[in-house]
Protein backbone atom coordinates (compact mmCIF):
# COMPACT_ATOMS: atom_id res chain seq x y z
CA MET A 1 0.01 -0.23 -0.02
CA THR A 2 1.17 3.68 -0.76
CA THR A 3 -0.70 5.29 2.19
CA PRO A 4 -1.80 4.04 5.37
CA LEU A 5 -5.67 3.41 5.82
CA PRO A 6 -7.34 6.08 7.75
CA THR A 7 -8.85 4.71 10.89
CA PRO A 8 -12.66 4.58 9.99
CA VAL A 9 -11.83 2.70 6.55
CA ALA A 10 -9.43 0.23 8.50
CA ARG A 11 -12.13 -0.32 10.96
CA LEU A 12 -14.58 -0.88 7.70
CA VAL A 13 -12.05 -3.37 6.30
CA ASP A 14 -11.71 -5.36 9.51
CA ALA A 15 -15.33 -5.53 10.09
CA VAL A 16 -15.85 -6.69 6.56
CA ASN A 17 -13.10 -9.40 6.80
CA ARG A 18 -14.85 -10.75 9.96
CA GLY A 19 -18.28 -10.82 8.69
CA ASP A 20 -19.60 -8.56 11.06
CA THR A 21 -22.34 -6.85 9.56
CA ASP A 22 -23.35 -4.65 12.90
CA ALA A 23 -19.66 -3.20 13.09
CA PHE A 24 -19.60 -2.41 9.32
CA LEU A 25 -23.11 -0.80 9.65
CA ALA A 26 -22.13 1.08 12.73
CA LEU A 27 -19.61 2.89 10.62
CA PHE A 28 -22.33 4.83 8.87
CA PRO A 29 -24.48 7.50 9.92
CA GLY A 30 -28.15 7.23 9.67
CA ASP A 31 -27.96 8.89 6.30
CA GLY A 32 -25.20 7.13 5.04
CA ARG A 33 -24.84 5.78 1.34
CA VAL A 34 -23.63 2.73 -0.41
CA ASP A 35 -23.25 2.90 -4.19
CA ASP A 36 -22.38 -0.50 -5.66
CA TRP A 37 -21.49 0.04 -9.36
CA GLY A 38 -24.55 2.59 -9.59
CA ARG A 39 -27.09 0.66 -7.33
CA ARG A 40 -27.53 3.17 -4.23
CA PHE A 41 -28.64 1.83 -1.13
CA ASP A 42 -29.28 4.95 1.50
CA GLY A 43 -29.86 4.66 5.37
CA HIS A 44 -28.94 1.79 7.81
CA ASP A 45 -31.91 -0.57 6.65
CA ALA A 46 -31.03 -0.62 2.92
CA ILE A 47 -27.24 -0.57 3.54
CA ARG A 48 -27.98 -3.70 5.90
CA ALA A 49 -30.07 -5.72 3.81
CA TRP A 50 -27.61 -5.15 0.71
CA SER A 51 -24.58 -6.21 3.24
CA GLU A 52 -26.00 -9.10 4.42
CA ARG A 53 -26.83 -10.18 0.91
CA GLU A 54 -23.85 -9.27 -1.06
CA PHE A 55 -20.92 -7.86 1.01
CA THR A 56 -20.32 -9.12 4.96
CA GLY A 57 -22.98 -11.76 4.53
CA ALA A 58 -21.08 -13.48 1.38
CA ASN A 59 -17.98 -14.41 3.12
CA GLY A 60 -16.29 -11.11 1.63
CA THR A 61 -12.32 -10.54 2.13
CA LEU A 62 -11.21 -7.14 1.20
CA THR A 63 -7.32 -6.98 0.77
CA PRO A 64 -6.30 -3.46 0.11
CA ARG A 65 -3.38 -2.59 -2.46
CA LYS A 66 -3.42 1.01 -3.05
CA VAL A 67 -4.81 3.88 -0.76
CA THR A 68 -4.87 7.39 -1.91
CA THR A 69 -6.47 10.20 -0.12
CA ALA A 70 -7.69 13.65 -0.99
CA GLY A 71 -9.08 15.61 1.71
CA GLN A 72 -12.19 13.61 3.23
CA THR A 73 -11.89 11.19 0.19
CA VAL A 74 -10.18 7.76 0.65
CA THR A 75 -9.74 5.63 -2.62
CA VAL A 76 -8.77 2.09 -1.87
CA ASP A 77 -7.77 -0.26 -4.95
CA ALA A 78 -8.38 -4.02 -3.52
CA ALA A 79 -8.70 -7.37 -4.02
CA TRP A 80 -12.21 -8.45 -3.43
CA LYS A 81 -13.31 -12.23 -2.95
CA SER A 82 -16.58 -13.17 -1.93
CA ASN A 83 -19.41 -15.68 -2.73
CA PHE A 84 -21.19 -13.12 -4.80
CA TYR A 85 -18.52 -11.66 -6.92
CA SER A 86 -14.40 -11.98 -6.80
CA GLY A 87 -11.97 -9.50 -8.77
CA ASP A 88 -10.02 -6.35 -8.56
CA SER A 89 -12.49 -3.50 -7.03
CA ARG A 90 -11.97 0.03 -6.25
CA PHE A 91 -13.72 1.60 -3.18
CA VAL A 92 -14.37 5.29 -2.63
CA PHE A 93 -14.85 6.16 0.72
CA VAL A 94 -16.47 9.76 2.04
CA VAL A 95 -14.81 9.69 5.59
CA GLU A 96 -16.72 11.80 8.15
CA GLY A 97 -15.21 12.47 11.51
CA ASP A 98 -14.92 8.69 12.95
CA GLY A 99 -17.30 7.04 10.40
CA ILE A 100 -18.03 6.91 6.84
CA HIS A 101 -20.73 8.83 5.24
CA GLU A 102 -20.44 7.16 1.86
CA MET A 103 -18.81 4.04 0.13
CA ARG A 104 -18.63 3.55 -3.39
CA ILE A 105 -17.82 0.52 -5.49
CA VAL A 106 -16.63 1.55 -9.12
CA ALA A 107 -15.01 0.54 -11.79
CA HIS A 108 -11.36 0.17 -11.25
């Protein structure tokens, strides 16, 4: 990795790799957002349903390879492996305080 992971993103990676949906969700505020290749999930209920189906609940493993930061935006190029999808992925996080306001999964 080129840059260390900011603490909220490191906590997210740890929660995902442990399959801990509650810890993952706790990083987002009530109006947090996940955008998975253009599919938007707004708020805890929508994020939880998506995550339990396709992210933490799919035995996902997120291995960061490159990290860049620009202000509150953290971009992580990573290897992603799960029961749902496996391959190189780019995750873009908008960090807000000790948490994450938005996570986008976009083209690498």
